[in-house]
Amino acid sequence: MNIDVKVLTEIINSWDPVGLLAGGAPEDEYSIEIREIVAGGTFYTRETDLARLIYTVFNDKMGVKLNLLACLNQAFKLTEQMK
């Protein structure tokens, strides 16, 4: 799946999975994670795979273990907006 960076940025920023934006962090706080998800997302077509990618990227880059169901919800939002 070709993931649009702008769409993914809007989804991740509105989700604010670590609460950094709510704490006053800059809007590009998750840009590294977003770029990695976009790069890795080209290999996936199912929401479950995208959810695992989101989970893995945030775990690897920030050491944060997100709720996998929350990641799946974001993956569904992404695929809906990419249609």
N, C-alpha and C. Protein backbone atom coordinates (compact mmCIF):
# COMPACT_ATOMS: atom_id res chain seq x y z
N MET A 1 0.84 -1.18 0.00
CA MET A 1 0.00 0.00 0.00
C MET A 1 0.89 1.24 0.00
N ASN A 2 0.60 2.15 -0.88
CA ASN A 2 1.30 3.44 -0.87
C ASN A 2 0.59 4.35 0.13
N ILE A 3 1.30 4.69 1.18
CA ILE A 3 0.72 5.50 2.25
C ILE A 3 1.08 6.96 2.02
N ASP A 4 0.08 7.80 2.05
CA ASP A 4 0.27 9.24 1.91
C ASP A 4 0.78 9.79 3.25
N VAL A 5 1.93 10.44 3.21
CA VAL A 5 2.57 10.96 4.42
C VAL A 5 1.65 11.95 5.13
N LYS A 6 1.00 12.80 4.37
CA LYS A 6 0.13 13.82 4.98
C LYS A 6 -1.03 13.17 5.72
N VAL A 7 -1.65 12.17 5.10
CA VAL A 7 -2.78 11.49 5.73
C VAL A 7 -2.32 10.78 6.99
N LEU A 8 -1.20 10.07 6.91
CA LEU A 8 -0.69 9.36 8.09
C LEU A 8 -0.31 10.34 9.19
N THR A 9 0.27 11.46 8.83
CA THR A 9 0.64 12.48 9.82
C THR A 9 -0.60 12.98 10.55
N GLU A 10 -1.67 13.25 9.82
CA GLU A 10 -2.91 13.71 10.45
C GLU A 10 -3.47 12.66 11.40
N ILE A 11 -3.42 11.39 10.99
CA ILE A 11 -3.95 10.32 11.83
C ILE A 11 -3.12 10.15 13.09
N ILE A 12 -1.80 10.08 12.94
CA ILE A 12 -0.93 9.89 14.10
C ILE A 12 -1.00 11.10 15.03
N ASN A 13 -0.98 12.30 14.48
CA ASN A 13 -1.03 13.49 15.33
C ASN A 13 -2.36 13.62 16.07
N SER A 14 -3.46 13.27 15.42
CA SER A 14 -4.74 13.36 16.13
C SER A 14 -4.86 12.27 17.18
N TRP A 15 -4.23 11.13 16.94
CA TRP A 15 -4.19 10.04 17.93
C TRP A 15 -3.25 10.39 19.08
N ASP A 16 -2.11 10.98 18.75
CA ASP A 16 -1.09 11.36 19.73
C ASP A 16 -0.82 10.20 20.70
N PRO A 17 -0.28 9.08 20.15
CA PRO A 17 -0.20 7.84 20.92
C PRO A 17 0.62 7.90 22.20
N VAL A 18 1.54 8.83 22.30
CA VAL A 18 2.37 8.92 23.49
C VAL A 18 2.00 10.15 24.32
N GLY A 19 1.11 10.99 23.81
CA GLY A 19 0.67 12.18 24.53
C GLY A 19 1.66 13.33 24.49
N LEU A 20 2.60 13.28 23.54
CA LEU A 20 3.61 14.33 23.47
C LEU A 20 3.06 15.64 22.92
N LEU A 21 2.19 15.56 21.94
CA LEU A 21 1.63 16.79 21.35
C LEU A 21 0.75 17.50 22.38
N ALA A 22 0.01 16.72 23.14
CA ALA A 22 -0.83 17.31 24.19
C ALA A 22 0.03 18.00 25.25
N GLY A 23 1.26 17.53 25.40
CA GLY A 23 2.17 18.12 26.37
C GLY A 23 2.97 19.29 25.83
N GLY A 24 2.69 19.70 24.58
CA GLY A 24 3.34 20.87 24.02
C GLY A 24 4.45 20.59 23.03
N ALA A 25 4.65 19.33 22.66
CA ALA A 25 5.69 19.00 21.68
C ALA A 25 5.33 19.57 20.31
N PRO A 26 6.33 19.80 19.45
CA PRO A 26 6.05 20.34 18.11
C PRO A 26 5.26 19.35 17.25
N GLU A 27 4.56 19.88 16.26
CA GLU A 27 3.71 19.09 15.38
C GLU A 27 4.47 18.00 14.63
N ASP A 28 5.78 18.14 14.48
CA ASP A 28 6.55 17.13 13.75
C ASP A 28 7.20 16.11 14.69
N GLU A 29 6.72 16.02 15.91
CA GLU A 29 7.30 15.14 16.92
C GLU A 29 7.38 13.69 16.47
N TYR A 30 6.39 13.24 15.74
CA TYR A 30 6.34 11.84 15.31
C TYR A 30 6.84 11.64 13.88
N SER A 31 7.55 12.60 13.33
CA SER A 31 7.94 12.52 11.91
C SER A 31 8.85 11.34 11.61
N ILE A 32 9.74 10.99 12.52
CA ILE A 32 10.63 9.84 12.29
C ILE A 32 9.81 8.55 12.21
N GLU A 33 8.90 8.39 13.14
CA GLU A 33 8.06 7.20 13.15
C GLU A 33 7.15 7.15 11.93
N ILE A 34 6.62 8.30 11.54
CA ILE A 34 5.74 8.36 10.37
C ILE A 34 6.50 7.98 9.12
N ARG A 35 7.71 8.49 8.96
CA ARG A 35 8.51 8.14 7.77
C ARG A 35 8.79 6.64 7.72
N GLU A 36 9.08 6.06 8.87
CA GLU A 36 9.36 4.62 8.90
C GLU A 36 8.11 3.80 8.59
N ILE A 37 6.97 4.22 9.08
CA ILE A 37 5.71 3.52 8.77
C ILE A 37 5.41 3.62 7.29
N VAL A 38 5.60 4.80 6.70
CA VAL A 38 5.36 4.98 5.27
C VAL A 38 6.28 4.06 4.47
N ALA A 39 7.54 4.01 4.84
CA ALA A 39 8.50 3.17 4.12
C ALA A 39 8.15 1.70 4.25
N GLY A 40 7.80 1.26 5.43
CA GLY A 40 7.47 -0.14 5.65
C GLY A 40 6.09 -0.52 5.17
N GLY A 41 5.20 0.44 5.08
CA GLY A 41 3.82 0.17 4.70
C GLY A 41 3.64 -0.27 3.27
N THR A 42 4.63 -0.04 2.43
CA THR A 42 4.52 -0.45 1.03
C THR A 42 4.45 -1.96 0.89
N PHE A 43 4.86 -2.69 1.91
CA PHE A 43 4.88 -4.15 1.85
C PHE A 43 3.59 -4.78 2.38
N TYR A 44 2.67 -3.96 2.91
CA TYR A 44 1.48 -4.49 3.56
C TYR A 44 0.20 -4.02 2.88
N THR A 45 -0.81 -4.89 2.90
CA THR A 45 -2.12 -4.52 2.35
C THR A 45 -3.23 -4.72 3.37
N ARG A 46 -2.96 -5.48 4.42
CA ARG A 46 -3.99 -5.75 5.43
C ARG A 46 -3.80 -4.83 6.64
N GLU A 47 -4.93 -4.48 7.23
CA GLU A 47 -4.90 -3.60 8.40
C GLU A 47 -4.14 -4.23 9.57
N THR A 48 -4.26 -5.53 9.73
CA THR A 48 -3.57 -6.19 10.84
C THR A 48 -2.05 -6.05 10.69
N ASP A 49 -1.57 -6.14 9.46
CA ASP A 49 -0.13 -5.97 9.22
C ASP A 49 0.31 -4.54 9.48
N LEU A 50 -0.51 -3.58 9.06
CA LEU A 50 -0.20 -2.17 9.31
C LEU A 50 -0.21 -1.87 10.81
N ALA A 51 -1.15 -2.48 11.53
CA ALA A 51 -1.21 -2.28 12.98
C ALA A 51 0.06 -2.79 13.65
N ARG A 52 0.52 -3.94 13.24
CA ARG A 52 1.76 -4.49 13.81
C ARG A 52 2.96 -3.61 13.46
N LEU A 53 2.95 -3.05 12.25
CA LEU A 53 4.02 -2.14 11.84
C LEU A 53 4.03 -0.89 12.73
N ILE A 54 2.87 -0.30 12.94
CA ILE A 54 2.76 0.88 13.80
C ILE A 54 3.25 0.54 15.20
N TYR A 55 2.80 -0.58 15.73
CA TYR A 55 3.22 -1.02 17.06
C TYR A 55 4.73 -1.18 17.13
N THR A 56 5.29 -1.87 16.15
CA THR A 56 6.73 -2.16 16.13
C THR A 56 7.56 -0.89 16.01
N VAL A 57 7.15 0.01 15.14
CA VAL A 57 7.90 1.26 14.94
C VAL A 57 7.94 2.07 16.23
N PHE A 58 6.80 2.23 16.89
CA PHE A 58 6.79 3.02 18.12
C PHE A 58 7.56 2.32 19.24
N ASN A 59 7.52 1.00 19.25
CA ASN A 59 8.28 0.26 20.25
C ASN A 59 9.77 0.40 19.99
N ASP A 60 10.18 0.25 18.75
CA ASP A 60 11.60 0.33 18.40
C ASP A 60 12.16 1.74 18.55
N LYS A 61 11.43 2.74 18.11
CA LYS A 61 11.94 4.11 18.10
C LYS A 61 11.80 4.83 19.42
N MET A 62 10.71 4.55 20.15
CA MET A 62 10.45 5.30 21.37
C MET A 62 10.43 4.42 22.62
N GLY A 63 10.52 3.12 22.44
CA GLY A 63 10.47 2.22 23.58
C GLY A 63 9.10 2.16 24.22
N VAL A 64 8.07 2.45 23.44
CA VAL A 64 6.69 2.50 23.94
C VAL A 64 5.93 1.29 23.42
N LYS A 65 5.29 0.58 24.32
CA LYS A 65 4.45 -0.54 23.91
C LYS A 65 3.00 -0.03 23.88
N LEU A 66 2.52 0.22 22.66
CA LEU A 66 1.17 0.72 22.48
C LEU A 66 0.17 -0.43 22.56
N ASN A 67 -1.07 -0.10 22.74
CA ASN A 67 -2.15 -1.08 22.70
C ASN A 67 -2.33 -1.50 21.25
N LEU A 68 -2.22 -2.79 20.97
CA LEU A 68 -2.30 -3.28 19.59
C LEU A 68 -3.66 -3.01 18.97
N LEU A 69 -4.73 -3.05 19.77
CA LEU A 69 -6.06 -2.73 19.23
C LEU A 69 -6.16 -1.25 18.84
N ALA A 70 -5.50 -0.39 19.59
CA ALA A 70 -5.47 1.03 19.23
C ALA A 70 -4.71 1.22 17.92
N CYS A 71 -3.64 0.46 17.74
CA CYS A 71 -2.88 0.51 16.49
C CYS A 71 -3.75 0.03 15.32
N LEU A 72 -4.53 -1.02 15.57
CA LEU A 72 -5.42 -1.54 14.53
C LEU A 72 -6.47 -0.51 14.15
N ASN A 73 -6.98 0.20 15.13
CA ASN A 73 -7.95 1.27 14.86
C ASN A 73 -7.34 2.33 13.95
N GLN A 74 -6.10 2.70 14.19
CA GLN A 74 -5.42 3.70 13.36
C GLN A 74 -5.18 3.15 11.95
N ALA A 75 -4.87 1.87 11.86
CA ALA A 75 -4.66 1.24 10.55
C ALA A 75 -5.95 1.27 9.74
N PHE A 76 -7.09 1.00 10.39
CA PHE A 76 -8.37 1.08 9.69
C PHE A 76 -8.67 2.50 9.24
N LYS A 77 -8.37 3.48 10.10
CA LYS A 77 -8.57 4.88 9.70
C LYS A 77 -7.72 5.21 8.48
N LEU A 78 -6.49 4.72 8.47
CA LEU A 78 -5.59 5.00 7.35
C LEU A 78 -6.13 4.40 6.06
N THR A 79 -6.53 3.14 6.09
CA THR A 79 -6.99 2.52 4.85
C THR A 79 -8.29 3.17 4.37
N GLU A 80 -9.14 3.60 5.30
CA GLU A 80 -10.38 4.30 4.90
C GLU A 80 -10.06 5.62 4.19
N GLN A 81 -9.12 6.37 4.74
CA GLN A 81 -8.79 7.68 4.16
C GLN A 81 -7.99 7.55 2.88
N MET A 82 -7.36 6.40 2.66
CA MET A 82 -6.55 6.21 1.46
C MET A 82 -7.40 5.75 0.27
N LYS A 83 -8.68 5.43 0.52
CA LYS A 83 -9.55 4.98 -0.59
C LYS A 83 -9.94 6.11 -1.48
